Amino acid sequence: MFASLSSRVAALGVTVVIAVAALAGLLVDAARQTRDSFLWVEHSAIVLEITSEAVADLRDAESGQRGFVLT
């Protein structure tokens, strides 16, 4: 297929460059997906914190109402 050594080396070099470029693209995509996942985790944590605060406030209100009704 390739007659000379220099053409073989050039073909191998091109193949290596293409493989490295493909791996770099996959790495960039994986980094983007990881960042997006971290953003969703942060959002979920904020939602859980707000929900917990709302439930705690509701429990305080129910307790206050119970105390008022008993007196």
N, C-alpha and C. Protein backbone atom coordinates (compact mmCIF):
# COMPACT_ATOMS: atom_id res chain seq x y z
N MET A 1 0.83 -1.18 0.00
CA MET A 1 0.00 0.00 0.00
C MET A 1 0.88 1.26 0.00
N PHE A 2 1.74 1.40 1.03
CA PHE A 2 2.66 2.53 1.07
C PHE A 2 4.04 2.01 0.68
N ALA A 3 4.60 2.61 -0.34
CA ALA A 3 5.87 2.10 -0.87
C ALA A 3 7.06 2.52 -0.02
N SER A 4 7.07 3.76 0.45
CA SER A 4 8.25 4.23 1.16
C SER A 4 7.99 4.34 2.66
N LEU A 5 9.07 4.35 3.39
CA LEU A 5 8.99 4.47 4.85
C LEU A 5 8.44 5.83 5.26
N SER A 6 8.80 6.88 4.55
CA SER A 6 8.32 8.22 4.91
C SER A 6 6.80 8.34 4.71
N SER A 7 6.24 7.68 3.72
CA SER A 7 4.79 7.73 3.54
C SER A 7 4.09 6.94 4.64
N ARG A 8 4.70 5.86 5.09
CA ARG A 8 4.14 5.09 6.21
C ARG A 8 4.15 5.91 7.50
N VAL A 9 5.26 6.58 7.74
CA VAL A 9 5.39 7.42 8.94
C VAL A 9 4.38 8.56 8.87
N ALA A 10 4.21 9.15 7.72
CA ALA A 10 3.26 10.25 7.56
C ALA A 10 1.84 9.76 7.80
N ALA A 11 1.50 8.59 7.27
CA ALA A 11 0.17 8.03 7.47
C ALA A 11 -0.07 7.72 8.94
N LEU A 12 0.94 7.17 9.60
CA LEU A 12 0.82 6.89 11.03
C LEU A 12 0.67 8.18 11.83
N GLY A 13 1.40 9.21 11.45
CA GLY A 13 1.30 10.51 12.12
C GLY A 13 -0.09 11.11 11.97
N VAL A 14 -0.65 11.03 10.79
CA VAL A 14 -1.99 11.55 10.55
C VAL A 14 -3.01 10.77 11.39
N THR A 15 -2.84 9.45 11.44
CA THR A 15 -3.74 8.61 12.23
C THR A 15 -3.66 8.98 13.71
N VAL A 16 -2.47 9.19 14.21
CA VAL A 16 -2.29 9.57 15.62
C VAL A 16 -2.91 10.93 15.89
N VAL A 17 -2.74 11.88 15.01
CA VAL A 17 -3.31 13.23 15.19
C VAL A 17 -4.83 13.15 15.20
N ILE A 18 -5.41 12.35 14.31
CA ILE A 18 -6.87 12.20 14.28
C ILE A 18 -7.37 11.56 15.56
N ALA A 19 -6.66 10.53 16.04
CA ALA A 19 -7.06 9.86 17.27
C ALA A 19 -6.97 10.81 18.47
N VAL A 20 -5.92 11.60 18.56
CA VAL A 20 -5.76 12.55 19.67
C VAL A 20 -6.85 13.62 19.60
N ALA A 21 -7.17 14.08 18.41
CA ALA A 21 -8.23 15.08 18.26
C ALA A 21 -9.58 14.51 18.69
N ALA A 22 -9.85 13.26 18.31
CA ALA A 22 -11.11 12.63 18.71
C ALA A 22 -11.17 12.46 20.22
N LEU A 23 -10.09 12.05 20.83
CA LEU A 23 -10.07 11.90 22.29
C LEU A 23 -10.23 13.24 23.00
N ALA A 24 -9.63 14.29 22.44
CA ALA A 24 -9.78 15.62 23.03
C ALA A 24 -11.24 16.07 22.95
N GLY A 25 -11.88 15.79 21.83
CA GLY A 25 -13.30 16.13 21.70
C GLY A 25 -14.16 15.38 22.70
N LEU A 26 -13.88 14.10 22.89
CA LEU A 26 -14.62 13.32 23.89
C LEU A 26 -14.39 13.85 25.30
N LEU A 27 -13.17 14.27 25.59
CA LEU A 27 -12.86 14.82 26.91
C LEU A 27 -13.60 16.12 27.15
N VAL A 28 -13.66 16.98 26.15
CA VAL A 28 -14.40 18.24 26.28
C VAL A 28 -15.88 17.97 26.50
N ASP A 29 -16.44 17.01 25.77
CA ASP A 29 -17.85 16.68 25.94
C ASP A 29 -18.12 16.11 27.33
N ALA A 30 -17.24 15.25 27.82
CA ALA A 30 -17.41 14.69 29.16
C ALA A 30 -17.33 15.78 30.22
N ALA A 31 -16.43 16.74 30.04
CA ALA A 31 -16.31 17.84 30.99
C ALA A 31 -17.58 18.69 31.00
N ARG A 32 -18.17 18.93 29.83
CA ARG A 32 -19.41 19.70 29.74
C ARG A 32 -20.55 18.96 30.44
N GLN A 33 -20.64 17.66 30.21
CA GLN A 33 -21.70 16.88 30.85
C GLN A 33 -21.53 16.87 32.37
N THR A 34 -20.30 16.77 32.83
CA THR A 34 -20.03 16.79 34.27
C THR A 34 -20.43 18.13 34.88
N ARG A 35 -20.09 19.23 34.19
CA ARG A 35 -20.46 20.56 34.67
C ARG A 35 -21.98 20.70 34.76
N ASP A 36 -22.67 20.24 33.72
CA ASP A 36 -24.14 20.31 33.72
C ASP A 36 -24.72 19.49 34.87
N SER A 37 -24.14 18.32 35.12
CA SER A 37 -24.62 17.48 36.23
C SER A 37 -24.42 18.17 37.57
N PHE A 38 -23.26 18.80 37.75
CA PHE A 38 -23.01 19.51 39.00
C PHE A 38 -23.99 20.66 39.18
N LEU A 39 -24.34 21.34 38.10
CA LEU A 39 -25.31 22.43 38.20
C LEU A 39 -26.67 21.90 38.64
N TRP A 40 -27.09 20.74 38.11
CA TRP A 40 -28.36 20.15 38.51
C TRP A 40 -28.33 19.70 39.97
N VAL A 41 -27.20 19.16 40.41
CA VAL A 41 -27.08 18.75 41.81
C VAL A 41 -27.17 19.97 42.72
N GLU A 42 -26.51 21.05 42.35
CA GLU A 42 -26.57 22.28 43.14
C GLU A 42 -28.01 22.81 43.20
N HIS A 43 -28.70 22.78 42.07
CA HIS A 43 -30.09 23.23 42.03
C HIS A 43 -30.96 22.35 42.92
N SER A 44 -30.76 21.05 42.86
CA SER A 44 -31.55 20.13 43.68
C SER A 44 -31.31 20.39 45.17
N ALA A 45 -30.06 20.65 45.54
CA ALA A 45 -29.74 20.94 46.93
C ALA A 45 -30.45 22.21 47.40
N ILE A 46 -30.48 23.22 46.56
CA ILE A 46 -31.16 24.47 46.92
C ILE A 46 -32.66 24.23 47.08
N VAL A 47 -33.25 23.46 46.16
CA VAL A 47 -34.69 23.17 46.25
C VAL A 47 -34.99 22.39 47.53
N LEU A 48 -34.16 21.41 47.87
CA LEU A 48 -34.37 20.64 49.09
C LEU A 48 -34.25 21.51 50.34
N GLU A 49 -33.29 22.43 50.34
CA GLU A 49 -33.13 23.33 51.48
C GLU A 49 -34.35 24.24 51.65
N ILE A 50 -34.83 24.80 50.56
CA ILE A 50 -36.01 25.67 50.62
C ILE A 50 -37.23 24.89 51.08
N THR A 51 -37.38 23.67 50.57
CA THR A 51 -38.52 22.83 50.97
C THR A 51 -38.45 22.48 52.45
N SER A 52 -37.26 22.15 52.92
CA SER A 52 -37.09 21.83 54.34
C SER A 52 -37.44 23.03 55.22
N GLU A 53 -37.03 24.22 54.81
CA GLU A 53 -37.37 25.42 55.57
C GLU A 53 -38.88 25.65 55.58
N ALA A 54 -39.53 25.41 54.45
CA ALA A 54 -40.98 25.60 54.39
C ALA A 54 -41.70 24.60 55.29
N VAL A 55 -41.24 23.36 55.30
CA VAL A 55 -41.85 22.35 56.18
C VAL A 55 -41.63 22.71 57.64
N ALA A 56 -40.44 23.19 57.98
CA ALA A 56 -40.17 23.59 59.36
C ALA A 56 -41.06 24.75 59.77
N ASP A 57 -41.26 25.72 58.89
CA ASP A 57 -42.15 26.84 59.18
C ASP A 57 -43.59 26.37 59.36
N LEU A 58 -44.01 25.42 58.53
CA LEU A 58 -45.36 24.88 58.64
C LEU A 58 -45.55 24.16 59.98
N ARG A 59 -44.55 23.40 60.40
CA ARG A 59 -44.64 22.71 61.68
C ARG A 59 -44.71 23.71 62.84
N ASP A 60 -43.93 24.78 62.75
CA ASP A 60 -43.99 25.82 63.78
C ASP A 60 -45.37 26.46 63.83
N ALA A 61 -45.94 26.71 62.66
CA ALA A 61 -47.27 27.32 62.61
C ALA A 61 -48.33 26.37 63.19
N GLU A 62 -48.24 25.09 62.87
CA GLU A 62 -49.19 24.12 63.43
C GLU A 62 -49.05 24.01 64.93
N SER A 63 -47.81 24.04 65.39
CA SER A 63 -47.58 23.97 66.84
C SER A 63 -48.16 25.21 67.54
N GLY A 64 -47.94 26.36 66.95
CA GLY A 64 -48.48 27.60 67.52
C GLY A 64 -50.00 27.59 67.52
N GLN A 65 -50.59 27.08 66.46
CA GLN A 65 -52.04 27.00 66.38
C GLN A 65 -52.58 26.03 67.44
N ARG A 66 -51.93 24.91 67.59
CA ARG A 66 -52.35 23.94 68.61
C ARG A 66 -52.30 24.55 70.02
N GLY A 67 -51.21 25.27 70.26
CA GLY A 67 -51.06 25.92 71.56
C GLY A 67 -52.14 26.97 71.79
N PHE A 68 -52.48 27.72 70.76
CA PHE A 68 -53.51 28.74 70.87
C PHE A 68 -54.87 28.10 71.14
N VAL A 69 -55.17 27.02 70.43
CA VAL A 69 -56.45 26.36 70.56
C VAL A 69 -56.58 25.74 71.96
N LEU A 70 -55.50 25.21 72.49
CA LEU A 70 -55.56 24.58 73.82
C LEU A 70 -55.73 25.61 74.93
N THR A 71 -55.26 26.82 74.71
CA THR A 71 -55.39 27.83 75.76
C THR A 71 -56.70 28.52 75.53
